[in-house]
């Protein structure tokens, strides 16, 4: 499940590895001004703990929610993952399904269910 969480967050990585504190301040200003793409990016930064920031899934959920409520599909998908895993928000599958559904309507595919047990080997 942890791999799923990180793969969800990685779908939102818009920033280069040379990200610096000045860039974060500019991005944060845009996010505070209501830019949904910037809000989703700030959410990703907090979800992953990028350089110059600490990992904080509650803060990530806050920014993903702001962007998701404005229709940002990537944020909807990432927020769904947080609800599915209970990271930064209470674990809530019905809310996760809601956000996955909204993201899917915009072309972002929900993750396939992980099998509970491996498939049996094929017999010759």
PDB file of N, CA and C in Angstrom:
ATOM      1  N   UNK A   1       0.805  -1.190   0.000  1.00  0.00           N
ATOM      2  CA  UNK A   1       0.000   0.000   0.000  1.00  0.00           C
ATOM      3  C   UNK A   1       0.854   1.264   0.000  1.00  0.00           C
ATOM      4  N   UNK A   2       1.995   1.212   0.685  1.00  0.00           N
ATOM      5  CA  UNK A   2       2.851   2.391   0.741  1.00  0.00           C
ATOM      6  C   UNK A   2       3.358   2.742  -0.655  1.00  0.00           C
ATOM      7  N   UNK A   3       3.637   1.702  -1.466  1.00  0.00           N
ATOM      8  CA  UNK A   3       4.081   1.956  -2.834  1.00  0.00           C
ATOM      9  C   UNK A   3       2.995   2.696  -3.603  1.00  0.00           C
ATOM     10  N   UNK A   4       1.735   2.318  -3.361  1.00  0.00           N
ATOM     11  CA  UNK A   4       0.623   2.979  -4.026  1.00  0.00           C
ATOM     12  C   UNK A   4       0.577   4.454  -3.646  1.00  0.00           C
ATOM     13  N   UNK A   5       0.755   4.744  -2.373  1.00  0.00           N
ATOM     14  CA  UNK A   5       0.744   6.133  -1.902  1.00  0.00           C
ATOM     15  C   UNK A   5       1.801   6.963  -2.622  1.00  0.00           C
ATOM     16  N   UNK A   6       3.018   6.436  -2.693  1.00  0.00           N
ATOM     17  CA  UNK A   6       4.086   7.192  -3.341  1.00  0.00           C
ATOM     18  C   UNK A   6       3.846   7.320  -4.834  1.00  0.00           C
ATOM     19  N   UNK A   7       3.297   6.278  -5.464  1.00  0.00           N
ATOM     20  CA  UNK A   7       3.038   6.396  -6.895  1.00  0.00           C
ATOM     21  C   UNK A   7       1.944   7.414  -7.166  1.00  0.00           C
ATOM     22  N   UNK A   8       0.970   7.520  -6.256  1.00  0.00           N
ATOM     23  CA  UNK A   8      -0.076   8.537  -6.417  1.00  0.00           C
ATOM     24  C   UNK A   8       0.517   9.924  -6.319  1.00  0.00           C
ATOM     25  N   UNK A   9       1.357  10.104  -5.338  1.00  0.00           N
ATOM     26  CA  UNK A   9       1.966  11.427  -5.160  1.00  0.00           C
ATOM     27  C   UNK A   9       2.878  11.785  -6.323  1.00  0.00           C
ATOM     28  N   UNK A  10       3.570  10.811  -6.849  1.00  0.00           N
ATOM     29  CA  UNK A  10       4.506  11.086  -7.934  1.00  0.00           C
ATOM     30  C   UNK A  10       3.806  11.528  -9.207  1.00  0.00           C
ATOM     31  N   UNK A  11       2.506  11.233  -9.320  1.00  0.00           N
ATOM     32  CA  UNK A  11       1.788  11.694 -10.509  1.00  0.00           C
ATOM     33  C   UNK A  11       1.693  13.203 -10.545  1.00  0.00           C
ATOM     34  N   UNK A  12       1.930  13.846  -9.412  1.00  0.00           N
ATOM     35  CA  UNK A  12       1.808  15.300  -9.338  1.00  0.00           C
ATOM     36  C   UNK A  12       3.135  16.038  -9.347  1.00  0.00           C
ATOM     37  N   UNK A  13       4.218  15.356  -9.502  1.00  0.00           N
ATOM     38  CA  UNK A  13       5.509  16.028  -9.413  1.00  0.00           C
ATOM     39  C   UNK A  13       5.734  16.866 -10.664  1.00  0.00           C
ATOM     40  N   UNK A  14       5.664  18.179 -10.489  1.00  0.00           N
ATOM     41  CA  UNK A  14       5.849  19.115 -11.595  1.00  0.00           C
ATOM     42  C   UNK A  14       7.161  19.875 -11.462  1.00  0.00           C
ATOM     43  N   UNK A  15       7.861  19.633 -10.367  1.00  0.00           N
ATOM     44  CA  UNK A  15       9.017  20.464 -10.048  1.00  0.00           C
ATOM     45  C   UNK A  15      10.306  19.729 -10.340  1.00  0.00           C
ATOM     46  N   UNK A  16      11.359  20.459 -10.595  1.00  0.00           N
ATOM     47  CA  UNK A  16      12.653  19.841 -10.851  1.00  0.00           C
ATOM     48  C   UNK A  16      13.341  19.493  -9.551  1.00  0.00           C
ATOM     49  N   UNK A  17      14.367  18.687  -9.624  1.00  0.00           N
ATOM     50  CA  UNK A  17      15.108  18.321  -8.420  1.00  0.00           C
ATOM     51  C   UNK A  17      15.923  19.488  -7.882  1.00  0.00           C
ATOM     52  N   UNK A  18      16.052  20.563  -8.660  1.00  0.00           N
ATOM     53  CA  UNK A  18      16.805  21.738  -8.221  1.00  0.00           C
ATOM     54  C   UNK A  18      15.892  22.738  -7.510  1.00  0.00           C
ATOM     55  N   UNK A  19      14.817  22.251  -6.968  1.00  0.00           N
ATOM     56  CA  UNK A  19      13.841  23.091  -6.268  1.00  0.00           C
ATOM     57  C   UNK A  19      14.501  23.761  -5.073  1.00  0.00           C
ATOM     58  N   UNK A  20      14.285  25.064  -4.903  1.00  0.00           N
ATOM     59  CA  UNK A  20      14.891  25.773  -3.781  1.00  0.00           C
ATOM     60  C   UNK A  20      13.837  26.541  -2.990  1.00  0.00           C
ATOM     61  N   UNK A  21      14.232  27.092  -1.866  1.00  0.00           N
ATOM     62  CA  UNK A  21      13.319  27.799  -0.972  1.00  0.00           C
ATOM     63  C   UNK A  21      12.626  28.964  -1.667  1.00  0.00           C
ATOM     64  N   UNK A  22      13.328  29.701  -2.520  1.00  0.00           N
ATOM     65  CA  UNK A  22      12.707  30.820  -3.239  1.00  0.00           C
ATOM     66  C   UNK A  22      11.577  30.316  -4.132  1.00  0.00           C
ATOM     67  N   UNK A  23      11.809  29.184  -4.803  1.00  0.00           N
ATOM     68  CA  UNK A  23      10.780  28.607  -5.658  1.00  0.00           C
ATOM     69  C   UNK A  23       9.554  28.226  -4.825  1.00  0.00           C
ATOM     70  N   UNK A  24       9.788  27.680  -3.641  1.00  0.00           N
ATOM     71  CA  UNK A  24       8.685  27.291  -2.774  1.00  0.00           C
ATOM     72  C   UNK A  24       7.869  28.506  -2.360  1.00  0.00           C
ATOM     73  N   UNK A  25       8.522  29.604  -2.073  1.00  0.00           N
ATOM     74  CA  UNK A  25       7.802  30.818  -1.671  1.00  0.00           C
ATOM     75  C   UNK A  25       6.930  31.340  -2.808  1.00  0.00           C
ATOM     76  N   UNK A  26       7.449  31.307  -4.026  1.00  0.00           N
ATOM     77  CA  UNK A  26       6.677  31.747  -5.190  1.00  0.00           C
ATOM     78  C   UNK A  26       5.489  30.808  -5.400  1.00  0.00           C
ATOM     79  N   UNK A  27       5.736  29.515  -5.338  1.00  0.00           N
ATOM     80  CA  UNK A  27       4.684  28.523  -5.520  1.00  0.00           C
ATOM     81  C   UNK A  27       3.619  28.640  -4.431  1.00  0.00           C
ATOM     82  N   UNK A  28       4.065  28.829  -3.192  1.00  0.00           N
ATOM     83  CA  UNK A  28       3.143  28.970  -2.076  1.00  0.00           C
ATOM     84  C   UNK A  28       2.278  30.229  -2.229  1.00  0.00           C
ATOM     85  N   UNK A  29       2.857  31.304  -2.721  1.00  0.00           N
ATOM     86  CA  UNK A  29       2.083  32.526  -2.954  1.00  0.00           C
ATOM     87  C   UNK A  29       0.992  32.282  -4.001  1.00  0.00           C
ATOM     88  N   UNK A  30       1.336  31.575  -5.068  1.00  0.00           N
ATOM     89  CA  UNK A  30       0.343  31.242  -6.096  1.00  0.00           C
ATOM     90  C   UNK A  30      -0.745  30.342  -5.523  1.00  0.00           C
ATOM     91  N   UNK A  31      -0.340  29.373  -4.705  1.00  0.00           N
ATOM     92  CA  UNK A  31      -1.309  28.461  -4.096  1.00  0.00           C
ATOM     93  C   UNK A  31      -2.263  29.219  -3.177  1.00  0.00           C
ATOM     94  N   UNK A  32      -1.721  30.120  -2.376  1.00  0.00           N
ATOM     95  CA  UNK A  32      -2.555  30.916  -1.462  1.00  0.00           C
ATOM     96  C   UNK A  32      -3.498  31.832  -2.225  1.00  0.00           C
ATOM     97  N   UNK A  33      -3.083  32.236  -3.439  1.00  0.00           N
ATOM     98  CA  UNK A  33      -3.928  33.086  -4.277  1.00  0.00           C
ATOM     99  C   UNK A  33      -5.021  32.290  -4.978  1.00  0.00           C
ATOM    100  N   UNK A  34      -5.002  30.957  -4.830  1.00  0.00           N
ATOM    101  CA  UNK A  34      -6.072  30.135  -5.370  1.00  0.00           C
ATOM    102  C   UNK A  34      -5.760  29.369  -6.634  1.00  0.00           C
ATOM    103  N   UNK A  35      -4.513  29.353  -7.088  1.00  0.00           N
ATOM    104  CA  UNK A  35      -4.129  28.627  -8.298  1.00  0.00           C
ATOM    105  C   UNK A  35      -4.165  27.125  -8.011  1.00  0.00           C
ATOM    106  N   UNK A  36      -5.095  26.364  -8.642  1.00  0.00           N
ATOM    107  CA  UNK A  36      -5.208  24.941  -8.321  1.00  0.00           C
ATOM    108  C   UNK A  36      -3.977  24.108  -8.701  1.00  0.00           C
ATOM    109  N   UNK A  37      -3.294  24.456  -9.779  1.00  0.00           N
ATOM    110  CA  UNK A  37      -2.082  23.717 -10.142  1.00  0.00           C
ATOM    111  C   UNK A  37      -0.999  23.935  -9.090  1.00  0.00           C
ATOM    112  N   UNK A  38      -0.872  25.163  -8.610  1.00  0.00           N
ATOM    113  CA  UNK A  38       0.110  25.453  -7.560  1.00  0.00           C
ATOM    114  C   UNK A  38      -0.284  24.758  -6.262  1.00  0.00           C
ATOM    115  N   UNK A  39      -1.563  24.740  -5.948  1.00  0.00           N
ATOM    116  CA  UNK A  39      -2.026  24.054  -4.741  1.00  0.00           C
ATOM    117  C   UNK A  39      -1.701  22.567  -4.804  1.00  0.00           C
ATOM    118  N   UNK A  40      -1.928  21.949  -5.965  1.00  0.00           N
ATOM    119  CA  UNK A  40      -1.614  20.529  -6.133  1.00  0.00           C
ATOM    120  C   UNK A  40      -0.107  20.295  -5.990  1.00  0.00           C
ATOM    121  N   UNK A  41       0.687  21.198  -6.538  1.00  0.00           N
ATOM    122  CA  UNK A  41       2.141  21.063  -6.430  1.00  0.00           C
ATOM    123  C   UNK A  41       2.606  21.205  -4.985  1.00  0.00           C
ATOM    124  N   UNK A  42       2.037  22.145  -4.250  1.00  0.00           N
ATOM    125  CA  UNK A  42       2.387  22.314  -2.842  1.00  0.00           C
ATOM    126  C   UNK A  42       1.991  21.043  -2.073  1.00  0.00           C
ATOM    127  N   UNK A  43       0.831  20.494  -2.396  1.00  0.00           N
ATOM    128  CA  UNK A  43       0.419  19.236  -1.775  1.00  0.00           C
ATOM    129  C   UNK A  43       1.424  18.132  -2.020  1.00  0.00           C
ATOM    130  N   UNK A  44       1.911  18.045  -3.238  1.00  0.00           N
ATOM    131  CA  UNK A  44       2.911  17.028  -3.583  1.00  0.00           C
ATOM    132  C   UNK A  44       4.201  17.237  -2.800  1.00  0.00           C
ATOM    133  N   UNK A  45       4.613  18.477  -2.692  1.00  0.00           N
ATOM    134  CA  UNK A  45       5.846  18.782  -1.964  1.00  0.00           C
ATOM    135  C   UNK A  45       5.729  18.326  -0.510  1.00  0.00           C
ATOM    136  N   UNK A  46       4.599  18.632   0.127  1.00  0.00           N
ATOM    137  CA  UNK A  46       4.414  18.194   1.514  1.00  0.00           C
ATOM    138  C   UNK A  46       4.246  16.681   1.608  1.00  0.00           C
ATOM    139  N   UNK A  47       3.604  16.068   0.644  1.00  0.00           N
ATOM    140  CA  UNK A  47       3.419  14.612   0.683  1.00  0.00           C
ATOM    141  C   UNK A  47       4.744  13.867   0.585  1.00  0.00           C
ATOM    142  N   UNK A  48       5.659  14.419  -0.201  1.00  0.00           N
ATOM    143  CA  UNK A  48       6.938  13.742  -0.431  1.00  0.00           C
ATOM    144  C   UNK A  48       8.081  14.268   0.431  1.00  0.00           C
ATOM    145  N   UNK A  49       7.910  15.451   1.023  1.00  0.00           N
ATOM    146  CA  UNK A  49       8.998  16.034   1.802  1.00  0.00           C
ATOM    147  C   UNK A  49      10.157  16.447   0.924  1.00  0.00           C
ATOM    148  N   UNK A  50       9.881  17.243  -0.077  1.00  0.00           N
ATOM    149  CA  UNK A  50      10.916  17.694  -1.016  1.00  0.00           C
ATOM    150  C   UNK A  50      11.972  18.532  -0.303  1.00  0.00           C
ATOM    151  N   UNK A  51      13.107  18.768  -0.940  1.00  0.00           N
ATOM    152  CA  UNK A  51      14.166  19.572  -0.313  1.00  0.00           C
ATOM    153  C   UNK A  51      13.646  20.923   0.168  1.00  0.00           C
ATOM    154  N   UNK A  52      14.007  21.269   1.390  1.00  0.00           N
ATOM    155  CA  UNK A  52      13.599  22.540   1.961  1.00  0.00           C
ATOM    156  C   UNK A  52      12.264  22.479   2.678  1.00  0.00           C
ATOM    157  N   UNK A  53      11.586  21.344   2.612  1.00  0.00           N
ATOM    158  CA  UNK A  53      10.322  21.165   3.319  1.00  0.00           C
ATOM    159  C   UNK A  53      10.366  19.855   4.090  1.00  0.00           C
ATOM    160  N   UNK A  54       9.455  19.702   4.994  1.00  0.00           N
ATOM    161  CA  UNK A  54       9.344  18.458   5.744  1.00  0.00           C
ATOM    162  C   UNK A  54       8.120  17.703   5.238  1.00  0.00           C
ATOM    163  N   UNK A  55       8.119  16.408   5.427  1.00  0.00           N
ATOM    164  CA  UNK A  55       6.980  15.597   5.008  1.00  0.00           C
ATOM    165  C   UNK A  55       5.851  15.787   6.009  1.00  0.00           C
ATOM    166  N   UNK A  56       4.691  16.189   5.510  1.00  0.00           N
ATOM    167  CA  UNK A  56       3.541  16.454   6.360  1.00  0.00           C
ATOM    168  C   UNK A  56       2.283  16.107   5.562  1.00  0.00           C
ATOM    169  N   UNK A  57       1.739  14.908   5.795  1.00  0.00           N
ATOM    170  CA  UNK A  57       0.596  14.471   4.998  1.00  0.00           C
ATOM    171  C   UNK A  57      -0.680  15.247   5.341  1.00  0.00           C
ATOM    172  N   UNK A  58      -0.778  15.802   6.534  1.00  0.00           N
ATOM    173  CA  UNK A  58      -1.943  16.647   6.844  1.00  0.00           C
ATOM    174  C   UNK A  58      -1.912  17.918   6.004  1.00  0.00           C
ATOM    175  N   UNK A  59      -0.742  18.512   5.913  1.00  0.00           N
ATOM    176  CA  UNK A  59      -0.598  19.712   5.092  1.00  0.00           C
ATOM    177  C   UNK A  59      -0.814  19.370   3.622  1.00  0.00           C
ATOM    178  N   UNK A  60      -0.316  18.217   3.197  1.00  0.00           N
ATOM    179  CA  UNK A  60      -0.534  17.769   1.818  1.00  0.00           C
ATOM    180  C   UNK A  60      -2.026  17.633   1.535  1.00  0.00           C
ATOM    181  N   UNK A  61      -2.751  17.004   2.460  1.00  0.00           N
ATOM    182  CA  UNK A  61      -4.191  16.814   2.281  1.00  0.00           C
ATOM    183  C   UNK A  61      -4.913  18.155   2.184  1.00  0.00           C
ATOM    184  N   UNK A  62      -4.480  19.123   2.979  1.00  0.00           N
ATOM    185  CA  UNK A  62      -5.089  20.457   2.944  1.00  0.00           C
ATOM    186  C   UNK A  62      -4.970  21.066   1.552  1.00  0.00           C
ATOM    187  N   UNK A  63      -3.768  21.010   0.975  1.00  0.00           N
ATOM    188  CA  UNK A  63      -3.554  21.622  -0.338  1.00  0.00           C
ATOM    189  C   UNK A  63      -4.184  20.808  -1.451  1.00  0.00           C
ATOM    190  N   UNK A  64      -4.128  19.474  -1.355  1.00  0.00           N
ATOM    191  CA  UNK A  64      -4.802  18.643  -2.360  1.00  0.00           C
ATOM    192  C   UNK A  64      -6.308  18.919  -2.345  1.00  0.00           C
ATOM    193  N   UNK A  65      -6.884  19.103  -1.157  1.00  0.00           N
ATOM    194  CA  UNK A  65      -8.322  19.372  -1.048  1.00  0.00           C
ATOM    195  C   UNK A  65      -8.679  20.682  -1.742  1.00  0.00           C
ATOM    196  N   UNK A  66      -7.893  21.721  -1.493  1.00  0.00           N
ATOM    197  CA  UNK A  66      -8.166  23.015  -2.129  1.00  0.00           C
ATOM    198  C   UNK A  66      -8.152  22.881  -3.658  1.00  0.00           C
ATOM    199  N   UNK A  67      -7.159  22.181  -4.184  1.00  0.00           N
ATOM    200  CA  UNK A  67      -7.057  22.013  -5.637  1.00  0.00           C
ATOM    201  C   UNK A  67      -8.142  21.070  -6.161  1.00  0.00           C
ATOM    202  N   UNK A  68      -8.395  19.996  -5.438  1.00  0.00           N
ATOM    203  CA  UNK A  68      -9.398  19.013  -5.863  1.00  0.00           C
ATOM    204  C   UNK A  68     -10.781  19.636  -5.935  1.00  0.00           C
ATOM    205  N   UNK A  69     -11.108  20.474  -4.972  1.00  0.00           N
ATOM    206  CA  UNK A  69     -12.414  21.134  -4.964  1.00  0.00           C
ATOM    207  C   UNK A  69     -12.583  22.102  -6.130  1.00  0.00           C
ATOM    208  N   UNK A  70     -11.469  22.513  -6.726  1.00  0.00           N
ATOM    209  CA  UNK A  70     -11.522  23.373  -7.919  1.00  0.00           C
ATOM    210  C   UNK A  70     -11.457  22.556  -9.206  1.00  0.00           C
ATOM    211  N   UNK A  71     -11.476  21.229  -9.069  1.00  0.00           N
ATOM    212  CA  UNK A  71     -11.522  20.369 -10.245  1.00  0.00           C
ATOM    213  C   UNK A  71     -10.190  19.884 -10.759  1.00  0.00           C
ATOM    214  N   UNK A  72      -9.103  20.064 -10.018  1.00  0.00           N
ATOM    215  CA  UNK A  72      -7.797  19.587 -10.462  1.00  0.00           C
ATOM    216  C   UNK A  72      -7.764  18.063 -10.333  1.00  0.00           C
ATOM    217  N   UNK A  73      -7.718  17.372 -11.462  1.00  0.00           N
ATOM    218  CA  UNK A  73      -7.811  15.910 -11.484  1.00  0.00           C
ATOM    219  C   UNK A  73      -6.644  15.235 -10.765  1.00  0.00           C
ATOM    220  N   UNK A  74      -5.445  15.763 -10.928  1.00  0.00           N
ATOM    221  CA  UNK A  74      -4.294  15.156 -10.258  1.00  0.00           C
ATOM    222  C   UNK A  74      -4.438  15.253  -8.741  1.00  0.00           C
ATOM    223  N   UNK A  75      -4.918  16.391  -8.266  1.00  0.00           N
ATOM    224  CA  UNK A  75      -5.131  16.562  -6.829  1.00  0.00           C
ATOM    225  C   UNK A  75      -6.251  15.654  -6.338  1.00  0.00           C
ATOM    226  N   UNK A  76      -7.297  15.499  -7.137  1.00  0.00           N
ATOM    227  CA  UNK A  76      -8.388  14.597  -6.766  1.00  0.00           C
ATOM    228  C   UNK A  76      -7.865  13.178  -6.591  1.00  0.00           C
ATOM    229  N   UNK A  77      -7.031  12.751  -7.522  1.00  0.00           N
ATOM    230  CA  UNK A  77      -6.462  11.406  -7.481  1.00  0.00           C
ATOM    231  C   UNK A  77      -5.556  11.232  -6.264  1.00  0.00           C
ATOM    232  N   UNK A  78      -4.708  12.199  -6.015  1.00  0.00           N
ATOM    233  CA  UNK A  78      -3.800  12.109  -4.870  1.00  0.00           C
ATOM    234  C   UNK A  78      -4.552  12.171  -3.546  1.00  0.00           C
ATOM    235  N   UNK A  79      -5.561  13.022  -3.477  1.00  0.00           N
ATOM    236  CA  UNK A  79      -6.374  13.115  -2.267  1.00  0.00           C
ATOM    237  C   UNK A  79      -7.093  11.794  -2.012  1.00  0.00           C
ATOM    238  N   UNK A  80      -7.579  11.169  -3.067  1.00  0.00           N
ATOM    239  CA  UNK A  80      -8.222   9.856  -2.930  1.00  0.00           C
ATOM    240  C   UNK A  80      -7.254   8.851  -2.312  1.00  0.00           C
ATOM    241  N   UNK A  81      -6.011   8.886  -2.758  1.00  0.00           N
ATOM    242  CA  UNK A  81      -5.000   7.972  -2.207  1.00  0.00           C
ATOM    243  C   UNK A  81      -4.763   8.213  -0.727  1.00  0.00           C
ATOM    244  N   UNK A  82      -4.768   9.473  -0.321  1.00  0.00           N
ATOM    245  CA  UNK A  82      -4.588   9.781   1.097  1.00  0.00           C
ATOM    246  C   UNK A  82      -5.757   9.241   1.916  1.00  0.00           C
ATOM    247  N   UNK A  83      -6.983   9.406   1.401  1.00  0.00           N
ATOM    248  CA  UNK A  83      -8.146   8.862   2.113  1.00  0.00           C
ATOM    249  C   UNK A  83      -8.133   7.336   2.126  1.00  0.00           C
ATOM    250  N   UNK A  84      -7.697   6.743   1.030  1.00  0.00           N
ATOM    251  CA  UNK A  84      -7.640   5.279   0.964  1.00  0.00           C
ATOM    252  C   UNK A  84      -6.696   4.719   2.021  1.00  0.00           C
ATOM    253  N   UNK A  85      -5.583   5.387   2.224  1.00  0.00           N
ATOM    254  CA  UNK A  85      -4.558   4.897   3.148  1.00  0.00           C
ATOM    255  C   UNK A  85      -4.651   5.506   4.544  1.00  0.00           C
ATOM    256  N   UNK A  86      -5.476   6.535   4.698  1.00  0.00           N
ATOM    257  CA  UNK A  86      -5.563   7.202   5.998  1.00  0.00           C
ATOM    258  C   UNK A  86      -4.310   7.980   6.330  1.00  0.00           C
ATOM    259  N   UNK A  87      -3.747   8.657   5.353  1.00  0.00           N
ATOM    260  CA  UNK A  87      -2.535   9.460   5.540  1.00  0.00           C
ATOM    261  C   UNK A  87      -2.899  10.939   5.564  1.00  0.00           C
ATOM    262  N   UNK A  88      -2.802  11.572   6.723  1.00  0.00           N
ATOM    263  CA  UNK A  88      -3.106  12.987   6.842  1.00  0.00           C
ATOM    264  C   UNK A  88      -4.582  13.290   6.982  1.00  0.00           C
ATOM    265  N   UNK A  89      -5.401  12.290   6.743  1.00  0.00           N
ATOM    266  CA  UNK A  89      -6.857  12.364   6.881  1.00  0.00           C
ATOM    267  C   UNK A  89      -7.320  11.029   7.443  1.00  0.00           C
ATOM    268  N   UNK A  90      -8.520  10.986   8.020  1.00  0.00           N
ATOM    269  CA  UNK A  90      -9.015   9.682   8.478  1.00  0.00           C
ATOM    270  C   UNK A  90      -9.203   8.729   7.294  1.00  0.00           C
ATOM    271  N   UNK A  91      -8.908   7.465   7.494  1.00  0.00           N
ATOM    272  CA  UNK A  91      -9.116   6.478   6.435  1.00  0.00           C
ATOM    273  C   UNK A  91     -10.610   6.410   6.142  1.00  0.00           C
ATOM    274  N   UNK A  92     -10.974   6.602   4.868  1.00  0.00           N
ATOM    275  CA  UNK A  92     -12.375   6.664   4.491  1.00  0.00           C
ATOM    276  C   UNK A  92     -12.503   6.221   3.034  1.00  0.00           C
ATOM    277  N   UNK A  93     -12.876   4.981   2.842  1.00  0.00           N
ATOM    278  CA  UNK A  93     -12.951   4.436   1.483  1.00  0.00           C
ATOM    279  C   UNK A  93     -14.044   5.088   0.646  1.00  0.00           C
ATOM    280  N   UNK A  94     -15.163   5.478   1.264  1.00  0.00           N
ATOM    281  CA  UNK A  94     -16.217   6.102   0.463  1.00  0.00           C
ATOM    282  C   UNK A  94     -15.751   7.465  -0.070  1.00  0.00           C
ATOM    283  N   UNK A  95     -15.006   8.203   0.729  1.00  0.00           N
ATOM    284  CA  UNK A  95     -14.465   9.482   0.256  1.00  0.00           C
ATOM    285  C   UNK A  95     -13.390   9.239  -0.797  1.00  0.00           C
ATOM    286  N   UNK A  96     -12.582   8.208  -0.591  1.00  0.00           N
ATOM    287  CA  UNK A  96     -11.559   7.863  -1.587  1.00  0.00           C
ATOM    288  C   UNK A  96     -12.215   7.528  -2.924  1.00  0.00           C
ATOM    289  N   UNK A  97     -13.256   6.720  -2.895  1.00  0.00           N
ATOM    290  CA  UNK A  97     -13.959   6.341  -4.128  1.00  0.00           C
ATOM    291  C   UNK A  97     -14.545   7.576  -4.811  1.00  0.00           C
ATOM    292  N   UNK A  98     -15.092   8.500  -4.017  1.00  0.00           N
ATOM    293  CA  UNK A  98     -15.642   9.745  -4.579  1.00  0.00           C
ATOM    294  C   UNK A  98     -14.573  10.504  -5.358  1.00  0.00           C
ATOM    295  N   UNK A  99     -13.398  10.703  -4.731  1.00  0.00           N
ATOM    296  CA  UNK A  99     -12.339  11.470  -5.394  1.00  0.00           C
ATOM    297  C   UNK A  99     -11.754  10.710  -6.570  1.00  0.00           C
ATOM    298  N   UNK A 100     -11.593   9.377  -6.437  1.00  0.00           N
ATOM    299  CA  UNK A 100     -11.120   8.596  -7.581  1.00  0.00           C
ATOM    300  C   UNK A 100     -12.098   8.734  -8.749  1.00  0.00           C
ATOM    301  N   UNK A 101     -13.394   8.708  -8.439  1.00  0.00           N
ATOM    302  CA  UNK A 101     -14.407   8.827  -9.492  1.00  0.00           C
ATOM    303  C   UNK A 101     -14.344  10.162 -10.208  1.00  0.00           C
ATOM    304  N   UNK A 102     -14.183  11.237  -9.447  1.00  0.00           N
ATOM    305  CA  UNK A 102     -14.083  12.561 -10.061  1.00  0.00           C
ATOM    306  C   UNK A 102     -12.831  12.673 -10.925  1.00  0.00           C
ATOM    307  N   UNK A 103     -11.726  12.113 -10.446  1.00  0.00           N
ATOM    308  CA  UNK A 103     -10.491  12.131 -11.243  1.00  0.00           C
ATOM    309  C   UNK A 103     -10.667  11.297 -12.509  1.00  0.00           C
ATOM    310  N   UNK A 104     -11.332  10.154 -12.381  1.00  0.00           N
ATOM    311  CA  UNK A 104     -11.539   9.270 -13.533  1.00  0.00           C
ATOM    312  C   UNK A 104     -12.380   9.951 -14.606  1.00  0.00           C
ATOM    313  N   UNK A 105     -13.347  10.757 -14.196  1.00  0.00           N
ATOM    314  CA  UNK A 105     -14.174  11.481 -15.175  1.00  0.00           C
ATOM    315  C   UNK A 105     -13.346  12.439 -16.021  1.00  0.00           C
ATOM    316  N   UNK A 106     -12.163  12.785 -15.515  1.00  0.00           N
ATOM    317  CA  UNK A 106     -11.270  13.683 -16.260  1.00  0.00           C
ATOM    318  C   UNK A 106     -10.117  12.923 -16.917  1.00  0.00           C
ATOM    319  N   UNK A 107     -10.203  11.603 -16.893  1.00  0.00           N
ATOM    320  CA  UNK A 107      -9.207  10.796 -17.592  1.00  0.00           C
ATOM    321  C   UNK A 107      -8.083  10.244 -16.745  1.00  0.00           C
ATOM    322  N   UNK A 108      -8.116  10.452 -15.430  1.00  0.00           N
ATOM    323  CA  UNK A 108      -7.092   9.888 -14.546  1.00  0.00           C
ATOM    324  C   UNK A 108      -7.639   8.555 -14.044  1.00  0.00           C
ATOM    325  N   UNK A 109      -6.980   7.470 -14.376  1.00  0.00           N
ATOM    326  CA  UNK A 109      -7.475   6.139 -14.024  1.00  0.00           C
ATOM    327  C   UNK A 109      -7.200   5.810 -12.566  1.00  0.00           C
ATOM    328  N   UNK A 110      -8.202   5.237 -11.907  1.00  0.00           N
ATOM    329  CA  UNK A 110      -8.041   4.771 -10.529  1.00  0.00           C
ATOM    330  C   UNK A 110      -7.168   3.528 -10.541  1.00  0.00           C
ATOM    331  N   UNK A 111      -6.435   3.301  -9.457  1.00  0.00           N
ATOM    332  CA  UNK A 111      -5.576   2.121  -9.417  1.00  0.00           C
ATOM    333  C   UNK A 111      -6.391   0.843  -9.418  1.00  0.00           C
ATOM    334  N   UNK A 112      -5.856  -0.181 -10.046  1.00  0.00           N
ATOM    335  CA  UNK A 112      -6.513  -1.492 -10.025  1.00  0.00           C
ATOM    336  C   UNK A 112      -6.391  -2.072  -8.628  1.00  0.00           C
ATOM    337  N   UNK A 113      -7.387  -2.832  -8.241  1.00  0.00           N
ATOM    338  CA  UNK A 113      -7.353  -3.460  -6.923  1.00  0.00           C
ATOM    339  C   UNK A 113      -6.195  -4.446  -6.875  1.00  0.00           C
ATOM    340  N   UNK A 114      -5.482  -4.411  -5.775  1.00  0.00           N
ATOM    341  CA  UNK A 114      -4.373  -5.337  -5.607  1.00  0.00           C
ATOM    342  C   UNK A 114      -4.932  -6.694  -5.199  1.00  0.00           C
ATOM    343  N   UNK A 115      -4.488  -7.777  -5.832  1.00  0.00           N
ATOM    344  CA  UNK A 115      -5.002  -9.098  -5.456  1.00  0.00           C
ATOM    345  C   UNK A 115      -4.588  -9.445  -4.034  1.00  0.00           C
ATOM    346  N   UNK A 116      -5.489 -10.099  -3.329  1.00  0.00           N
ATOM    347  CA  UNK A 116      -5.196 -10.453  -1.942  1.00  0.00           C
ATOM    348  C   UNK A 116      -4.221 -11.613  -1.849  1.00  0.00           C
ATOM    349  N   UNK A 117      -4.176 -12.421  -2.871  1.00  0.00           N
ATOM    350  CA  UNK A 117      -3.202 -13.514  -2.891  1.00  0.00           C
ATOM    351  C   UNK A 117      -2.694 -13.671  -4.318  1.00  0.00           C
ATOM    352  N   UNK A 118      -1.461 -14.150  -4.449  1.00  0.00           N
ATOM    353  CA  UNK A 118      -0.932 -14.295  -5.807  1.00  0.00           C
ATOM    354  C   UNK A 118      -1.703 -15.360  -6.578  1.00  0.00           C
ATOM    355  N   UNK A 119      -1.727 -15.183  -7.891  1.00  0.00           N
ATOM    356  CA  UNK A 119      -2.398 -16.175  -8.722  1.00  0.00           C
ATOM    357  C   UNK A 119      -1.624 -17.481  -8.669  1.00  0.00           C
ATOM    358  N   UNK A 120      -2.339 -18.588  -8.739  1.00  0.00           N
ATOM    359  CA  UNK A 120      -1.622 -19.864  -8.712  1.00  0.00           C
ATOM    360  C   UNK A 120      -0.778 -20.031  -9.969  1.00  0.00           C
ATOM    361  N   UNK A 121       0.314 -20.754  -9.872  1.00  0.00           N
ATOM    362  CA  UNK A 121       1.164 -20.939 -11.042  1.00  0.00           C
ATOM    363  C   UNK A 121       0.428 -21.727 -12.122  1.00  0.00           C
ATOM    364  N   UNK A 122       0.779 -21.445 -13.359  1.00  0.00           N
ATOM    365  CA  UNK A 122       0.174 -22.163 -14.485  1.00  0.00           C
ATOM    366  C   UNK A 122       0.780 -23.548 -14.545  1.00  0.00           C
ATOM    367  N   UNK A 123      -0.103 -24.544 -14.630  1.00  0.00           N
ATOM    368  CA  UNK A 123       0.353 -25.935 -14.701  1.00  0.00           C
ATOM    369  C   UNK A 123       0.628 -26.293 -16.157  1.00  0.00           C
ATOM    370  N   UNK A 124       1.758 -27.007 -16.414  1.00  0.00           N
ATOM    371  CA  UNK A 124       2.066 -27.389 -17.806  1.00  0.00           C
ATOM    372  C   UNK A 124       1.117 -28.442 -18.334  1.00  0.00           C
TER     373      UNK A 124
END
